[in-house]
């Protein structure tokens, strides 16, 4: 799939470059006719990382690829060392 319009990216599932599910693209933020950032509705385990917010804006520089899915850099996240799939030791106690 080739993205030809920004609207083609709306609704795509978003994953980190480590393969963790992050959410879904809601809209693009434009500045001077260029994409400046992407509004993403978060889902799954990432919600706890961002304090329960329903969405975040990821700057375009952290987008790694857009095709059938949307891939962002793990570095864009607040605690990039934590793996979403594994519970931390603090949560187990």
Protein backbone atom coordinates (compact mmCIF):
# COMPACT_ATOMS: atom_id res chain seq x y z
CA UNK A 1 0.00 0.00 0.00
CA UNK A 2 1.29 3.43 -0.89
CA UNK A 3 0.13 6.47 1.04
CA UNK A 4 -0.78 9.17 -1.48
CA UNK A 5 -2.80 11.47 0.77
CA UNK A 6 -2.60 12.30 4.44
CA UNK A 7 -6.15 11.07 4.83
CA UNK A 8 -4.95 7.57 3.83
CA UNK A 9 -3.00 7.41 7.13
CA UNK A 10 -6.02 8.23 9.31
CA UNK A 11 -7.23 5.12 11.12
CA UNK A 12 -4.00 3.15 10.70
CA UNK A 13 -2.80 1.10 13.67
CA UNK A 14 0.36 2.50 15.28
CA UNK A 15 3.22 0.35 16.56
CA UNK A 16 6.62 1.20 18.01
CA UNK A 17 9.77 0.14 16.21
CA UNK A 18 10.04 -2.64 18.82
CA UNK A 19 6.69 -4.05 17.75
CA UNK A 20 4.53 -2.84 20.67
CA UNK A 21 0.99 -1.70 19.87
CA UNK A 22 0.61 2.02 20.55
CA UNK A 23 -2.78 3.11 19.21
CA UNK A 24 -4.45 4.49 16.11
CA UNK A 25 -3.86 7.61 13.98
CA UNK A 26 -6.63 10.20 14.47
CA UNK A 27 -5.34 13.18 12.49
CA UNK A 28 -2.32 15.01 11.14
CA UNK A 29 -1.16 18.40 12.41
CA UNK A 30 -0.06 20.62 9.55
CA UNK A 31 2.24 23.63 9.63
CA UNK A 32 2.90 25.55 6.42
CA UNK A 33 1.50 22.68 4.30
CA UNK A 34 3.80 20.08 5.88
CA UNK A 35 3.01 17.45 8.48
CA UNK A 36 4.37 18.67 11.80
CA UNK A 37 2.95 15.91 14.02
CA UNK A 38 0.41 13.11 14.29
CA UNK A 39 -2.42 12.90 16.81
CA UNK A 40 -2.65 9.31 17.99
CA UNK A 41 -5.41 7.80 20.12
CA UNK A 42 -3.52 5.53 22.47
CA UNK A 43 -4.60 2.05 23.38
CA UNK A 44 -3.40 -1.02 25.18
CA UNK A 45 -0.73 -0.98 27.87
CA UNK A 46 0.78 2.31 26.70
CA UNK A 47 -2.08 4.22 28.34
CA UNK A 48 -0.48 3.76 31.76
CA UNK A 49 2.82 5.19 30.50
CA UNK A 50 1.27 8.51 29.54
CA UNK A 51 -0.81 9.02 32.65
CA UNK A 52 -4.15 7.85 31.31
CA UNK A 53 -4.39 10.42 28.50
CA UNK A 54 -6.57 9.37 25.58
CA UNK A 55 -4.24 10.72 22.95
CA UNK A 56 -0.81 12.13 22.24
CA UNK A 57 0.83 14.12 19.49
CA UNK A 58 3.94 12.49 18.07
CA UNK A 59 6.27 14.82 16.13
CA UNK A 60 6.72 13.74 12.52
CA UNK A 61 10.48 13.21 13.05
CA UNK A 62 9.68 10.14 15.21
CA UNK A 63 7.69 8.43 12.43
CA UNK A 64 9.75 5.58 10.97
CA UNK A 65 7.36 4.23 8.33
CA UNK A 66 3.82 4.53 7.01
CA UNK A 67 2.26 1.77 4.95
CA UNK A 68 -0.36 -0.77 6.06
CA UNK A 69 0.60 0.21 9.61
CA UNK A 70 2.22 3.26 11.17
CA UNK A 71 5.59 2.77 12.90
CA UNK A 72 7.02 5.26 15.40
CA UNK A 73 10.33 5.34 17.23
CA UNK A 74 10.37 3.96 20.77
CA UNK A 75 12.39 7.09 21.66
CA UNK A 76 9.21 9.18 21.29
CA UNK A 77 7.76 7.59 24.43
CA UNK A 78 8.27 8.88 27.98
CA UNK A 79 9.88 5.73 29.42
CA UNK A 80 11.40 4.11 26.35
CA UNK A 81 13.30 1.42 28.29
CA UNK A 82 10.10 -0.25 29.52
CA UNK A 83 8.63 -3.06 27.44
CA UNK A 84 4.82 -2.80 27.25
CA UNK A 85 4.32 -6.53 27.05
CA UNK A 86 6.11 -7.27 30.33
CA UNK A 87 4.90 -5.94 33.70
CA UNK A 88 7.48 -4.06 35.72
CA UNK A 89 8.64 -5.36 39.12
CA UNK A 90 6.92 -2.41 40.83
CA UNK A 91 3.54 -3.53 39.46
CA UNK A 92 4.02 -7.06 40.75
CA UNK A 93 4.52 -6.07 44.40
